C-alpha cells in the first residue's frame, strides 16, 4: 500500500507509524492547508497513491479530499468528524466521489470494538426498551482537547437507540439547569485529561442498573480499524463509488465470516 495521510495530529502520526511497521509506504504526510502551514507538495508529484487517510478537521475536509483526488487517489478512509450533520458538505463530498469514481469509508470512529459495541447497545435497547422502568442514557469521556461534543460515536449510538426506545423521542446533550424531559435520551459528554475515548450505554431501574462500556486504552484500536477499511477498499476495486459507512463494512465482514463458518 502506498498512502497519503492528510492530518498530522495524534491519529495521523499513529497511522503513519502503523503503516511503516507494516512496511507500507507513506507518499506524503501533510497538515492542514493554510498560509501558516508547511507548504504541500504538488499532488501530481506524489506518484502512485493507493489510499488517503483523512484525519484532520472538518474545516479542511473538502480541501484534503480534493488534494487526494488530484493526486490520483480513488480510495479514502475518512475519520474526520464534525461534518456529517452539514448537508452541504455531505452533498459536496458525494459529488466529488461520484465525479472521480472514488470511494470513501467514513466513520466517527474506526474502533472495531466500538462498532460491535454499538450493535450490542442496539440489541439491548430492543430488550430494555419494552420496559419503561429501565431509563436509558449515554455517557462518553474524551480528552479535554477533543473538539466535538458529544463525540460522533456517542451521537451515532444515541440516534441508533432511539427507534428502539418507545418512551424516548430525541437524544440531547445534557446542558443547562433542571431535569430533562422524560421523552429525552440524555447524552452526557465529559472532557478532561487525556482519555482517548470511553463510551457507556446504560439502563437504570429503581432496583438495578445495567451498563455496557467500551474503553479505549490508546489509539491502536482506531488505527487497526482504519487499516482494515483501507485493506478492504483495495481488495474490492470494483466496489461502487461513493460513501461507505464503516459500520456497514464491518457488518458485511461479520456476515461473510458467519456464512463461511456455516459452509
Protein backbone atom coordinates (compact mmCIF):
# COMPACT_ATOMS: atom_id res chain seq x y z
CA UNK A 1 0.00 0.00 0.00
CA UNK A 2 1.23 3.49 -0.84
CA UNK A 3 -0.62 6.00 1.32
CA UNK A 4 -1.24 9.71 1.63
CA UNK A 5 -2.02 10.96 5.14
CA UNK A 6 -3.82 14.29 5.46
CA UNK A 7 -3.76 15.32 9.09
CA UNK A 8 -0.66 15.42 11.29
CA UNK A 9 -2.39 15.11 14.66
CA UNK A 10 -2.43 12.14 17.01
CA UNK A 11 -4.26 9.83 14.62
CA UNK A 12 -2.25 10.87 11.59
CA UNK A 13 1.00 10.14 13.41
CA UNK A 14 -0.30 6.82 14.72
CA UNK A 15 -1.39 5.72 11.23
CA UNK A 16 1.99 6.69 9.80
CA UNK A 17 3.78 4.56 12.43
CA UNK A 18 1.47 1.60 11.80
CA UNK A 19 2.00 1.79 8.03
CA UNK A 20 5.76 1.90 8.48
CA UNK A 21 5.60 -1.13 10.80
CA UNK A 22 3.75 -3.00 8.04
CA UNK A 23 6.40 -1.94 5.52
CA UNK A 24 3.82 0.12 3.63
CA UNK A 25 4.95 3.38 2.09
CA UNK A 26 3.82 6.87 3.03
CA UNK A 27 3.81 9.03 -0.10
CA UNK A 28 3.16 12.23 1.89
CA UNK A 29 2.23 13.29 5.41
CA UNK A 30 0.63 16.75 5.28
CA UNK A 31 -1.07 19.02 7.78
CA UNK A 32 -3.98 21.38 7.35
CA UNK A 33 -3.89 23.63 4.31
CA UNK A 34 -3.42 27.33 5.00
CA UNK A 35 -0.98 30.22 4.96
CA UNK A 36 0.51 29.29 8.34
CA UNK A 37 1.06 25.62 7.46
CA UNK A 38 4.09 23.99 5.89
CA UNK A 39 3.99 24.01 2.06
CA UNK A 40 2.44 20.92 0.48
CA UNK A 41 3.98 19.08 -2.45
CA UNK A 42 2.03 19.37 -5.67
CA UNK A 43 -0.38 16.39 -5.91
CA UNK A 44 0.97 15.34 -9.30
CA UNK A 45 4.48 14.93 -7.82
CA UNK A 46 3.45 12.31 -5.26
CA UNK A 47 3.49 9.35 -7.62
CA UNK A 48 1.08 6.48 -7.10
CA UNK A 49 -1.30 6.94 -4.14
CA UNK A 50 -3.41 3.88 -3.33
CA UNK A 51 -5.22 5.19 -0.24
CA UNK A 52 -5.67 8.52 1.51
CA UNK A 53 -6.17 8.58 5.28
CA UNK A 54 -8.03 11.81 6.07
CA UNK A 55 -7.88 12.51 9.81
CA UNK A 56 -7.81 16.28 10.15
CA UNK A 57 -10.54 18.83 10.91
CA UNK A 58 -13.98 19.42 9.45
CA UNK A 59 -12.87 22.82 8.15
CA UNK A 60 -10.23 21.23 5.92
CA UNK A 61 -12.05 18.05 4.92
CA UNK A 62 -13.04 19.05 1.38
CA UNK A 63 -9.66 20.65 0.60
CA UNK A 64 -7.91 17.47 1.69
CA UNK A 65 -10.27 15.24 -0.30
CA UNK A 66 -9.69 17.38 -3.39
CA UNK A 67 -5.93 17.18 -2.81
CA UNK A 68 -6.11 13.38 -2.64
CA UNK A 69 -8.26 13.13 -5.75
CA UNK A 70 -5.88 15.40 -7.69
CA UNK A 71 -3.09 13.03 -6.67
CA UNK A 72 -4.98 10.22 -8.42
CA UNK A 73 -6.18 8.52 -5.24
CA UNK A 74 -9.53 6.77 -5.58
CA UNK A 75 -9.79 5.11 -2.15
CA UNK A 76 -10.14 7.19 1.02
CA UNK A 77 -10.54 6.45 4.71
CA UNK A 78 -12.16 9.46 6.37
CA UNK A 79 -12.03 9.67 10.15
CA UNK A 80 -12.50 13.44 10.36
CA UNK A 81 -15.56 14.26 12.48
CA UNK A 82 -17.87 17.23 12.92
CA UNK A 83 -19.14 17.43 9.31
CA UNK A 84 -21.72 14.64 8.95
CA UNK A 85 -24.63 16.88 10.01
CA UNK A 86 -23.68 19.51 7.42
CA UNK A 87 -25.85 18.71 4.41
CA UNK A 88 -23.84 20.96 2.09
CA UNK A 89 -20.54 19.25 2.96
CA UNK A 90 -22.03 15.78 2.64
CA UNK A 91 -23.52 16.69 -0.74
CA UNK A 92 -20.21 18.12 -1.95
CA UNK A 93 -18.35 15.01 -0.82
CA UNK A 94 -20.84 12.73 -2.56
CA UNK A 95 -20.47 14.77 -5.73
CA UNK A 96 -16.65 14.69 -5.68
CA UNK A 97 -16.55 10.94 -5.19
CA UNK A 98 -19.08 10.29 -7.96
CA UNK A 99 -17.25 12.58 -10.41
CA UNK A 100 -13.92 10.88 -9.69
CA UNK A 101 -15.21 7.30 -9.49
CA UNK A 102 -13.78 7.18 -5.97
CA UNK A 103 -14.98 5.55 -2.76
CA UNK A 104 -14.53 6.58 0.85
CA UNK A 105 -15.07 4.65 4.05
CA UNK A 106 -16.32 7.12 6.66
CA UNK A 107 -16.96 6.82 10.39
CA UNK A 108 -16.99 8.84 13.61
CA UNK A 109 -14.76 6.06 14.99
CA UNK A 110 -12.71 3.32 13.37
CA UNK A 111 -12.61 1.22 16.52
CA UNK A 112 -13.90 -2.25 15.65
CA UNK A 113 -14.78 -2.69 19.32
CA UNK A 114 -16.87 0.49 19.30
CA UNK A 115 -18.73 -0.62 16.16
CA UNK A 116 -19.56 -4.03 17.61
CA UNK A 117 -20.36 -2.34 20.94
CA UNK A 118 -22.98 -0.23 19.14
CA UNK A 119 -24.55 -3.42 17.76
CA UNK A 120 -24.81 -4.78 21.31
CA UNK A 121 -26.26 -1.47 22.52
CA UNK A 122 -28.98 -1.56 19.85
CA UNK A 123 -29.89 -5.12 20.83
CA UNK A 124 -30.01 -4.04 24.49
CA UNK A 125 -32.32 -1.14 23.55
CA UNK A 126 -34.64 -3.59 21.79
CA UNK A 127 -34.87 -5.62 25.00
CA UNK A 128 -34.95 -2.94 27.72
CA UNK A 129 -36.96 -0.50 25.61
CA UNK A 130 -40.02 -2.72 26.17
CA UNK A 131 -39.96 -1.90 29.87
CA UNK A 132 -40.50 1.74 30.81
CA UNK A 133 -38.86 1.44 34.24
CA UNK A 134 -35.44 0.98 32.58
CA UNK A 135 -34.38 4.53 31.77
CA UNK A 136 -31.59 4.63 29.15
CA UNK A 137 -28.65 7.01 28.97
CA UNK A 138 -25.43 7.54 27.02
CA UNK A 139 -22.20 8.79 28.59
CA UNK A 140 -18.84 9.48 26.95
CA UNK A 141 -15.44 10.74 28.13
CA UNK A 142 -12.65 12.05 25.90
CA UNK A 143 -9.53 14.16 26.29
CA UNK A 144 -10.07 17.79 27.16
CA UNK A 145 -8.81 18.98 23.75
CA UNK A 146 -11.34 16.98 21.69
CA UNK A 147 -13.20 19.49 19.55
CA UNK A 148 -16.63 17.90 19.01
CA UNK A 149 -19.07 17.47 21.88
CA UNK A 150 -20.71 14.99 22.10
CA UNK A 151 -18.40 12.66 20.22
CA UNK A 152 -19.54 11.45 16.82
CA UNK A 153 -19.61 7.91 18.23
CA UNK A 154 -21.88 8.87 21.14
CA UNK A 155 -24.22 10.77 18.85
CA UNK A 156 -24.34 7.89 16.37
CA UNK A 157 -25.10 5.36 19.12
CA UNK A 158 -27.81 7.56 20.65
CA UNK A 159 -29.54 8.07 17.30
CA UNK A 160 -29.46 4.33 16.62
CA UNK A 161 -31.04 3.60 20.01
CA UNK A 162 -34.00 6.00 19.65
CA UNK A 163 -36.08 3.84 17.22
CA UNK A 164 -35.98 1.00 19.77
CA UNK A 165 -36.97 3.12 22.78
CA UNK A 166 -40.73 3.81 22.67
CA UNK A 167 -40.51 6.18 25.65
CA UNK A 168 -37.85 8.38 24.01
CA UNK A 169 -38.32 10.71 21.06
CA UNK A 170 -34.99 12.51 20.86
CA UNK A 171 -31.39 12.41 22.07
CA UNK A 172 -29.91 15.62 23.53
CA UNK A 173 -26.63 16.63 25.07
CA UNK A 174 -27.02 17.34 28.79
CA UNK A 175 -26.96 21.11 29.16
CA UNK A 176 -28.29 23.78 31.49
CA UNK A 177 -30.21 23.51 34.78
CA UNK A 178 -33.15 21.24 35.51
CA UNK A 179 -34.06 17.68 34.68
CA UNK A 180 -34.51 16.61 31.05
CA UNK A 181 -37.95 15.87 29.63
CA UNK A 182 -38.99 12.26 30.12
CA UNK A 183 -39.00 11.65 26.37
CA UNK A 184 -35.34 12.72 26.08
CA UNK A 185 -32.47 10.26 25.89
CA UNK A 186 -29.78 12.18 27.74
CA UNK A 187 -26.23 12.19 26.37
CA UNK A 188 -23.50 13.27 28.77
CA UNK A 189 -20.08 14.34 27.44
CA UNK A 190 -17.07 14.73 29.73
CA UNK A 191 -13.92 16.49 28.50
CA UNK A 192 -10.97 16.08 30.86
CA UNK A 193 -7.42 14.83 30.90
CA UNK A 194 -6.02 12.66 28.11
CA UNK A 195 -8.58 9.85 27.73
CA UNK A 196 -8.57 8.51 24.15
CA UNK A 197 -12.22 7.54 24.49
CA UNK A 198 -14.80 5.82 26.69
CA UNK A 199 -18.50 5.22 25.98
CA UNK A 200 -21.24 3.85 28.22
CA UNK A 201 -24.81 2.88 27.37
CA UNK A 202 -26.87 2.26 30.48
CA UNK A 203 -30.37 1.30 31.55
CA UNK A 204 -31.30 2.34 35.09
CA UNK A 205 -34.30 0.98 37.00
CA UNK A 206 -35.34 1.51 40.65
CA UNK A 207 -33.84 -1.81 41.74
CA UNK A 208 -30.91 -2.33 39.39
CA UNK A 209 -28.69 -0.78 36.75
CA UNK A 210 -27.21 -2.33 33.62
CA UNK A 211 -24.23 -0.82 31.79
CA UNK A 212 -22.39 -1.62 28.58
CA UNK A 213 -18.99 0.02 28.39
CA UNK A 214 -16.18 0.29 25.83
CA UNK A 215 -12.92 1.96 26.84
CA UNK A 216 -10.01 2.69 24.54
CA UNK A 217 -6.59 2.26 26.18
CA UNK A 218 -4.81 4.02 23.33
CA UNK A 219 -5.32 4.85 19.66
CA UNK A 220 -4.19 1.47 18.35
CA UNK A 221 -7.80 0.22 18.08
CA UNK A 222 -8.73 3.19 15.88
CA UNK A 223 -5.64 2.68 13.74
CA UNK A 224 -6.39 -1.03 13.25
CA UNK A 225 -9.88 -0.21 12.04
CA UNK A 226 -8.61 2.45 9.63
CA UNK A 227 -6.13 -0.03 8.16
CA UNK A 228 -8.87 -2.66 7.91
CA UNK A 229 -11.01 -0.19 5.95
CA UNK A 230 -8.13 0.64 3.61
CA UNK A 231 -7.33 -3.03 3.02
CA UNK A 232 -10.97 -3.77 2.17
CA UNK A 233 -11.12 -0.88 -0.32
CA UNK A 234 -8.01 -2.14 -2.09
CA UNK A 235 -9.30 -5.71 -2.08
CA UNK A 236 -12.55 -4.60 -3.79
CA UNK A 237 -11.57 -2.14 -6.53
CA UNK A 238 -14.87 -2.71 -8.35
CA UNK A 239 -16.99 -1.51 -5.44
CA UNK A 240 -19.38 1.26 -6.47
CA UNK A 241 -18.17 4.85 -5.92
CA UNK A 242 -19.49 6.87 -3.01
CA UNK A 243 -19.58 6.87 0.78
CA UNK A 244 -19.31 3.60 2.67
CA UNK A 245 -20.12 3.72 6.41
CA UNK A 246 -17.53 1.75 8.37
CA UNK A 247 -20.22 0.03 10.45
CA UNK A 248 -21.82 -1.27 7.23
CA UNK A 249 -18.44 -2.58 6.12
CA UNK A 250 -17.99 -4.37 9.45
CA UNK A 251 -21.45 -5.91 9.20
CA UNK A 252 -20.54 -7.19 5.73
CA UNK A 253 -17.43 -8.84 7.15
CA UNK A 254 -19.36 -10.38 10.06
CA UNK A 255 -21.99 -11.76 7.67
CA UNK A 256 -19.31 -13.17 5.35
CA UNK A 257 -17.49 -14.84 8.25
CA UNK A 258 -20.78 -16.32 9.54
CA UNK A 259 -21.62 -17.71 6.09
CA UNK A 260 -18.13 -19.25 5.78
CA UNK A 261 -18.49 -20.85 9.22
CA UNK A 262 -21.84 -22.39 8.27
CA UNK A 263 -20.44 -23.66 4.94
